[in-house]
């Protein structure tokens, strides 16, 4: 498969595939003319990477996940530990976003939104107190 075919089948932009090659996540074969030639195993890795990235795993996490996937002697505990650490980060981010939403919601509710110049939103941004 050429890069256009594999990009379409993996659901990834060709630029992303080239990047993954540049950083060593995939290693397609090269024809005599220098064109990339992707195997089914490359397509599988790209689909794997696409799914992992869609779940928010970092490039380094993806590198580790691929190594674990390829290691048939791996312990599932190693995979779970990595996924749990990522889940914990997501849960922390959700908590931060909920706090941001609550604070902003309070500020929006406290602002009259009329022609007067006083605005609790700007006051909070300026002082950090609402």
N, C-alpha and C. Protein backbone atom coordinates (compact mmCIF):
# COMPACT_ATOMS: atom_id res chain seq x y z
N UNK A 1 0.85 -1.18 0.00
CA UNK A 1 0.00 0.00 0.00
C UNK A 1 0.89 1.24 0.00
N UNK A 2 0.44 2.26 -0.69
CA UNK A 2 1.16 3.53 -0.64
C UNK A 2 0.60 4.37 0.51
N UNK A 3 1.18 5.53 0.74
CA UNK A 3 0.79 6.34 1.90
C UNK A 3 -0.65 6.83 1.79
N UNK A 4 -1.11 7.12 0.57
CA UNK A 4 -2.49 7.56 0.40
C UNK A 4 -3.47 6.47 0.77
N UNK A 5 -3.18 5.24 0.34
CA UNK A 5 -4.05 4.11 0.66
C UNK A 5 -4.09 3.84 2.16
N UNK A 6 -2.92 3.80 2.76
CA UNK A 6 -2.87 3.49 4.19
C UNK A 6 -3.47 4.63 5.01
N UNK A 7 -3.32 5.86 4.57
CA UNK A 7 -3.92 7.00 5.27
C UNK A 7 -5.44 6.88 5.27
N UNK A 8 -5.98 6.55 4.13
CA UNK A 8 -7.44 6.40 4.02
C UNK A 8 -7.93 5.24 4.89
N UNK A 9 -7.24 4.12 4.82
CA UNK A 9 -7.67 2.94 5.57
C UNK A 9 -7.48 3.09 7.07
N UNK A 10 -6.43 3.80 7.48
CA UNK A 10 -6.17 4.00 8.92
C UNK A 10 -6.94 5.19 9.48
N UNK A 11 -7.46 6.04 8.59
CA UNK A 11 -8.17 7.22 9.06
C UNK A 11 -7.25 8.29 9.63
N UNK A 12 -6.02 8.33 9.12
CA UNK A 12 -5.04 9.31 9.59
C UNK A 12 -4.52 10.12 8.42
N UNK A 13 -4.19 11.39 8.64
CA UNK A 13 -3.57 12.18 7.57
C UNK A 13 -2.19 11.64 7.21
N UNK A 14 -1.82 11.77 5.96
CA UNK A 14 -0.50 11.33 5.51
C UNK A 14 0.61 12.04 6.31
N UNK A 15 0.38 13.30 6.65
CA UNK A 15 1.37 14.05 7.43
C UNK A 15 1.63 13.39 8.79
N UNK A 16 0.58 12.89 9.42
CA UNK A 16 0.71 12.21 10.70
C UNK A 16 1.49 10.91 10.53
N UNK A 17 1.21 10.21 9.46
CA UNK A 17 1.92 8.95 9.19
C UNK A 17 3.41 9.22 8.97
N UNK A 18 3.72 10.26 8.22
CA UNK A 18 5.13 10.62 8.03
C UNK A 18 5.79 10.97 9.36
N UNK A 19 5.07 11.68 10.21
CA UNK A 19 5.59 12.05 11.52
C UNK A 19 5.86 10.79 12.36
N UNK A 20 4.90 9.86 12.37
CA UNK A 20 5.09 8.62 13.11
C UNK A 20 6.32 7.86 12.60
N UNK A 21 6.56 7.93 11.30
CA UNK A 21 7.76 7.31 10.76
C UNK A 21 9.01 8.06 11.24
N UNK A 22 8.97 9.39 11.18
CA UNK A 22 10.12 10.21 11.59
C UNK A 22 10.54 9.94 13.04
N UNK A 23 9.56 9.70 13.91
CA UNK A 23 9.89 9.48 15.32
C UNK A 23 10.03 8.00 15.66
N UNK A 24 9.96 7.15 14.66
CA UNK A 24 10.24 5.73 14.86
C UNK A 24 9.12 4.87 15.36
N UNK A 25 7.88 5.36 15.29
CA UNK A 25 6.76 4.52 15.72
C UNK A 25 6.41 3.46 14.68
N UNK A 26 6.62 3.77 13.42
CA UNK A 26 6.42 2.80 12.35
C UNK A 26 7.63 2.84 11.43
N UNK A 27 7.84 1.76 10.73
CA UNK A 27 8.97 1.68 9.80
C UNK A 27 8.51 0.98 8.53
N UNK A 28 7.89 1.74 7.61
CA UNK A 28 7.45 1.10 6.37
C UNK A 28 8.65 0.72 5.50
N UNK A 29 8.43 -0.21 4.63
CA UNK A 29 9.47 -0.58 3.67
C UNK A 29 9.63 0.55 2.66
N UNK A 30 10.74 0.54 1.95
CA UNK A 30 10.97 1.53 0.90
C UNK A 30 11.22 0.78 -0.41
N UNK A 31 10.54 1.23 -1.46
CA UNK A 31 10.78 0.68 -2.80
C UNK A 31 12.11 1.23 -3.31
N UNK A 32 12.58 0.69 -4.43
CA UNK A 32 13.83 1.15 -5.03
C UNK A 32 13.79 2.64 -5.36
N UNK A 33 12.59 3.15 -5.67
CA UNK A 33 12.45 4.56 -6.01
C UNK A 33 12.30 5.45 -4.77
N UNK A 34 12.35 4.83 -3.57
CA UNK A 34 12.26 5.60 -2.34
C UNK A 34 10.86 5.75 -1.78
N UNK A 35 9.86 5.32 -2.53
CA UNK A 35 8.48 5.44 -2.04
C UNK A 35 8.23 4.48 -0.88
N UNK A 36 7.44 4.93 0.05
CA UNK A 36 7.06 4.08 1.18
C UNK A 36 6.14 2.97 0.68
N UNK A 37 6.33 1.78 1.24
CA UNK A 37 5.43 0.67 0.94
C UNK A 37 4.98 0.10 2.28
N UNK A 38 3.70 0.25 2.56
CA UNK A 38 3.14 -0.15 3.85
C UNK A 38 2.59 -1.57 3.77
N UNK A 39 2.88 -2.31 4.82
CA UNK A 39 2.36 -3.68 4.96
C UNK A 39 1.10 -3.65 5.80
N UNK A 40 0.41 -4.77 5.85
CA UNK A 40 -0.77 -4.87 6.71
C UNK A 40 -0.40 -4.62 8.17
N UNK A 41 0.79 -5.05 8.57
CA UNK A 41 1.22 -4.82 9.96
C UNK A 41 1.39 -3.33 10.24
N UNK A 42 1.83 -2.57 9.24
CA UNK A 42 1.95 -1.10 9.40
C UNK A 42 0.56 -0.49 9.56
N UNK A 43 -0.38 -0.95 8.75
CA UNK A 43 -1.75 -0.46 8.84
C UNK A 43 -2.32 -0.76 10.23
N UNK A 44 -2.06 -1.94 10.72
CA UNK A 44 -2.55 -2.32 12.05
C UNK A 44 -1.95 -1.40 13.12
N UNK A 45 -0.65 -1.14 13.05
CA UNK A 45 0.00 -0.25 14.01
C UNK A 45 -0.58 1.16 13.92
N UNK A 46 -0.82 1.62 12.70
CA UNK A 46 -1.37 2.97 12.53
C UNK A 46 -2.78 3.07 13.11
N UNK A 47 -3.59 2.04 12.90
CA UNK A 47 -4.94 2.04 13.48
C UNK A 47 -4.84 2.02 15.01
N UNK A 48 -3.92 1.23 15.53
CA UNK A 48 -3.67 1.15 16.97
C UNK A 48 -3.29 2.53 17.50
N UNK A 49 -2.34 3.17 16.82
CA UNK A 49 -1.90 4.51 17.23
C UNK A 49 -3.02 5.52 17.15
N UNK A 50 -3.83 5.45 16.10
CA UNK A 50 -4.95 6.38 15.95
C UNK A 50 -5.93 6.25 17.10
N UNK A 51 -6.22 5.02 17.48
CA UNK A 51 -7.16 4.79 18.58
C UNK A 51 -6.55 5.26 19.91
N UNK A 52 -5.27 4.94 20.12
CA UNK A 52 -4.61 5.36 21.36
C UNK A 52 -4.56 6.88 21.47
N UNK A 53 -4.24 7.54 20.37
CA UNK A 53 -4.19 9.01 20.38
C UNK A 53 -5.58 9.60 20.60
N UNK A 54 -6.61 8.95 20.02
CA UNK A 54 -7.98 9.43 20.21
C UNK A 54 -8.39 9.33 21.68
N UNK A 55 -7.80 8.38 22.40
CA UNK A 55 -8.06 8.26 23.83
C UNK A 55 -7.17 9.18 24.65
N UNK A 56 -6.33 9.96 23.98
CA UNK A 56 -5.53 10.97 24.66
C UNK A 56 -4.18 10.51 25.14
N UNK A 57 -3.75 9.30 24.78
CA UNK A 57 -2.42 8.87 25.18
C UNK A 57 -1.37 9.72 24.48
N UNK A 58 -0.29 10.02 25.18
CA UNK A 58 0.81 10.79 24.62
C UNK A 58 1.58 9.92 23.62
N UNK A 59 2.43 10.55 22.85
CA UNK A 59 3.28 9.81 21.92
C UNK A 59 4.14 8.80 22.68
N UNK A 60 4.71 9.22 23.80
CA UNK A 60 5.55 8.29 24.58
C UNK A 60 4.72 7.15 25.15
N UNK A 61 3.49 7.46 25.59
CA UNK A 61 2.60 6.38 26.04
C UNK A 61 2.33 5.41 24.89
N UNK A 62 2.12 5.96 23.70
CA UNK A 62 1.87 5.12 22.52
C UNK A 62 3.07 4.23 22.23
N UNK A 63 4.26 4.79 22.37
CA UNK A 63 5.48 4.01 22.15
C UNK A 63 5.52 2.83 23.13
N UNK A 64 5.19 3.12 24.39
CA UNK A 64 5.17 2.08 25.42
C UNK A 64 4.08 1.05 25.13
N UNK A 65 2.90 1.53 24.76
CA UNK A 65 1.80 0.61 24.45
C UNK A 65 2.14 -0.31 23.28
N UNK A 66 2.77 0.25 22.25
CA UNK A 66 3.17 -0.59 21.11
C UNK A 66 4.19 -1.64 21.55
N UNK A 67 5.13 -1.24 22.38
CA UNK A 67 6.13 -2.19 22.87
C UNK A 67 5.46 -3.29 23.70
N UNK A 68 4.51 -2.90 24.53
CA UNK A 68 3.78 -3.89 25.32
C UNK A 68 2.95 -4.81 24.42
N UNK A 69 2.34 -4.23 23.39
CA UNK A 69 1.54 -5.03 22.47
C UNK A 69 2.41 -6.07 21.76
N UNK A 70 3.61 -5.67 21.38
CA UNK A 70 4.52 -6.57 20.66
C UNK A 70 5.17 -7.60 21.58
N UNK A 71 5.20 -7.33 22.87
CA UNK A 71 5.84 -8.22 23.83
C UNK A 71 4.83 -9.27 24.31
N UNK A 72 4.95 -10.46 23.78
CA UNK A 72 3.99 -11.53 24.13
C UNK A 72 4.20 -12.05 25.54
N UNK A 73 5.29 -11.66 26.21
CA UNK A 73 5.53 -12.08 27.59
C UNK A 73 5.14 -10.99 28.58
N UNK A 74 4.51 -9.92 28.08
CA UNK A 74 4.14 -8.80 28.94
C UNK A 74 3.17 -9.27 30.03
N UNK A 75 3.15 -8.51 31.09
CA UNK A 75 2.14 -8.70 32.14
C UNK A 75 1.03 -7.69 31.87
N UNK A 76 -0.20 -8.14 31.92
CA UNK A 76 -1.31 -7.21 31.70
C UNK A 76 -1.31 -6.11 32.75
N UNK A 77 -0.70 -6.38 33.90
CA UNK A 77 -0.61 -5.35 34.95
C UNK A 77 0.15 -4.13 34.46
N UNK A 78 1.15 -4.35 33.59
CA UNK A 78 1.91 -3.22 33.06
C UNK A 78 1.04 -2.34 32.18
N UNK A 79 0.20 -2.97 31.39
CA UNK A 79 -0.71 -2.23 30.52
C UNK A 79 -1.74 -1.49 31.37
N UNK A 80 -2.28 -2.19 32.33
CA UNK A 80 -3.30 -1.58 33.19
C UNK A 80 -2.73 -0.39 33.96
N UNK A 81 -1.50 -0.52 34.43
CA UNK A 81 -0.87 0.57 35.18
C UNK A 81 -0.76 1.83 34.32
N UNK A 82 -0.34 1.66 33.08
CA UNK A 82 -0.23 2.80 32.16
C UNK A 82 -1.60 3.41 31.89
N UNK A 83 -2.58 2.56 31.62
CA UNK A 83 -3.93 3.05 31.33
C UNK A 83 -4.54 3.72 32.57
N UNK A 84 -4.30 3.16 33.74
CA UNK A 84 -4.83 3.75 34.97
C UNK A 84 -4.23 5.12 35.23
N UNK A 85 -2.92 5.25 34.99
CA UNK A 85 -2.27 6.56 35.18
C UNK A 85 -2.87 7.59 34.23
N UNK A 86 -3.15 7.16 33.01
CA UNK A 86 -3.76 8.08 32.03
C UNK A 86 -5.19 8.43 32.46
N UNK A 87 -5.93 7.44 32.93
CA UNK A 87 -7.29 7.68 33.41
C UNK A 87 -7.28 8.66 34.57
N UNK A 88 -6.32 8.52 35.48
CA UNK A 88 -6.21 9.45 36.61
C UNK A 88 -5.99 10.88 36.12
N UNK A 89 -5.14 11.05 35.10
CA UNK A 89 -4.90 12.38 34.53
C UNK A 89 -6.19 12.94 33.92
N UNK A 90 -6.94 12.10 33.24
CA UNK A 90 -8.21 12.53 32.63
C UNK A 90 -9.19 12.96 33.72
N UNK A 91 -9.28 12.16 34.79
CA UNK A 91 -10.19 12.50 35.88
C UNK A 91 -9.79 13.81 36.55
N UNK A 92 -8.49 14.04 36.70
CA UNK A 92 -8.02 15.32 37.26
C UNK A 92 -8.41 16.48 36.35
N UNK A 93 -8.24 16.28 35.05
CA UNK A 93 -8.59 17.33 34.09
C UNK A 93 -10.08 17.61 34.12
N UNK A 94 -10.89 16.57 34.21
CA UNK A 94 -12.34 16.75 34.30
C UNK A 94 -12.70 17.55 35.55
N UNK A 95 -12.07 17.24 36.67
CA UNK A 95 -12.33 17.99 37.91
C UNK A 95 -11.95 19.46 37.74
N UNK A 96 -10.82 19.71 37.09
CA UNK A 96 -10.41 21.09 36.84
C UNK A 96 -11.42 21.81 35.94
N UNK A 97 -11.87 21.12 34.90
CA UNK A 97 -12.84 21.73 33.99
C UNK A 97 -14.17 21.99 34.69
N UNK A 98 -14.60 21.07 35.55
CA UNK A 98 -15.85 21.29 36.29
C UNK A 98 -15.72 22.48 37.22
N UNK A 99 -14.58 22.62 37.86
CA UNK A 99 -14.34 23.77 38.73
C UNK A 99 -14.35 25.07 37.93
N UNK A 100 -13.71 25.04 36.76
CA UNK A 100 -13.72 26.22 35.88
C UNK A 100 -15.15 26.58 35.47
N UNK A 101 -15.91 25.55 35.10
CA UNK A 101 -17.30 25.77 34.70
C UNK A 101 -18.11 26.38 35.84
N UNK A 102 -17.94 25.83 37.05
CA UNK A 102 -18.70 26.33 38.19
C UNK A 102 -18.36 27.78 38.48
N UNK A 103 -17.07 28.11 38.47
CA UNK A 103 -16.64 29.49 38.73
C UNK A 103 -17.16 30.43 37.66
N UNK A 104 -16.99 30.05 36.41
CA UNK A 104 -17.46 30.91 35.32
C UNK A 104 -18.97 31.06 35.33
N UNK A 105 -19.66 29.99 35.67
CA UNK A 105 -21.12 30.05 35.75
C UNK A 105 -21.56 31.06 36.83
N UNK A 106 -20.89 31.02 37.99
CA UNK A 106 -21.19 31.98 39.06
C UNK A 106 -20.93 33.41 38.58
N UNK A 107 -19.82 33.61 37.90
CA UNK A 107 -19.48 34.95 37.42
C UNK A 107 -20.49 35.45 36.39
N UNK A 108 -20.88 34.59 35.49
CA UNK A 108 -21.87 34.98 34.48
C UNK A 108 -23.20 35.33 35.15
N UNK A 109 -23.59 34.53 36.13
CA UNK A 109 -24.84 34.80 36.84
C UNK A 109 -24.78 36.11 37.62
N UNK A 110 -23.61 36.46 38.14
CA UNK A 110 -23.49 37.67 38.96
C UNK A 110 -23.37 38.94 38.13
N UNK A 111 -23.14 38.81 36.84
CA UNK A 111 -23.01 39.98 35.98
C UNK A 111 -24.37 40.39 35.45
N UNK A 112 -24.70 41.65 35.63
CA UNK A 112 -26.00 42.14 35.17
C UNK A 112 -26.10 42.14 33.65
N UNK A 113 -24.99 42.31 32.99
CA UNK A 113 -25.01 42.30 31.53
C UNK A 113 -25.78 43.47 30.94
N UNK A 114 -25.76 44.59 31.64
CA UNK A 114 -26.49 45.77 31.15
C UNK A 114 -25.50 46.84 30.71
N UNK A 115 -25.92 48.09 30.70
CA UNK A 115 -25.08 49.18 30.21
C UNK A 115 -24.16 49.77 31.28
N UNK A 116 -24.27 49.28 32.51
CA UNK A 116 -23.40 49.79 33.58
C UNK A 116 -21.97 49.27 33.37
N UNK A 117 -20.98 50.06 33.80
CA UNK A 117 -19.59 49.64 33.57
C UNK A 117 -19.09 48.57 34.54
N UNK A 118 -19.71 48.48 35.74
CA UNK A 118 -19.19 47.50 36.69
C UNK A 118 -19.53 46.09 36.22
N UNK A 119 -18.51 45.22 36.32
CA UNK A 119 -18.68 43.85 35.82
C UNK A 119 -17.93 42.90 36.74
N UNK A 120 -18.65 42.02 37.43
CA UNK A 120 -17.99 41.07 38.32
C UNK A 120 -17.03 40.11 37.60
N UNK A 121 -17.28 39.87 36.35
CA UNK A 121 -16.39 38.98 35.59
C UNK A 121 -15.01 39.62 35.48
N UNK A 122 -14.98 40.88 35.04
CA UNK A 122 -13.69 41.58 34.92
C UNK A 122 -13.03 41.78 36.27
N UNK A 123 -13.83 42.07 37.29
CA UNK A 123 -13.28 42.25 38.65
C UNK A 123 -12.60 40.97 39.11
N UNK A 124 -13.23 39.83 38.87
CA UNK A 124 -12.65 38.54 39.28
C UNK A 124 -11.36 38.27 38.51
N UNK A 125 -11.38 38.54 37.22
CA UNK A 125 -10.19 38.30 36.42
C UNK A 125 -9.03 39.19 36.90
N UNK A 126 -9.37 40.40 37.33
CA UNK A 126 -8.34 41.35 37.78
C UNK A 126 -7.81 41.01 39.17
N UNK A 127 -8.69 40.48 40.04
CA UNK A 127 -8.28 40.28 41.43
C UNK A 127 -8.23 38.82 41.85
N UNK A 128 -8.88 37.96 41.12
CA UNK A 128 -8.95 36.55 41.49
C UNK A 128 -9.93 36.29 42.61
N UNK A 129 -10.79 37.28 42.90
CA UNK A 129 -11.78 37.14 43.97
C UNK A 129 -13.15 37.46 43.41
N UNK A 130 -14.10 36.62 43.72
CA UNK A 130 -15.48 36.92 43.29
C UNK A 130 -16.42 36.84 44.47
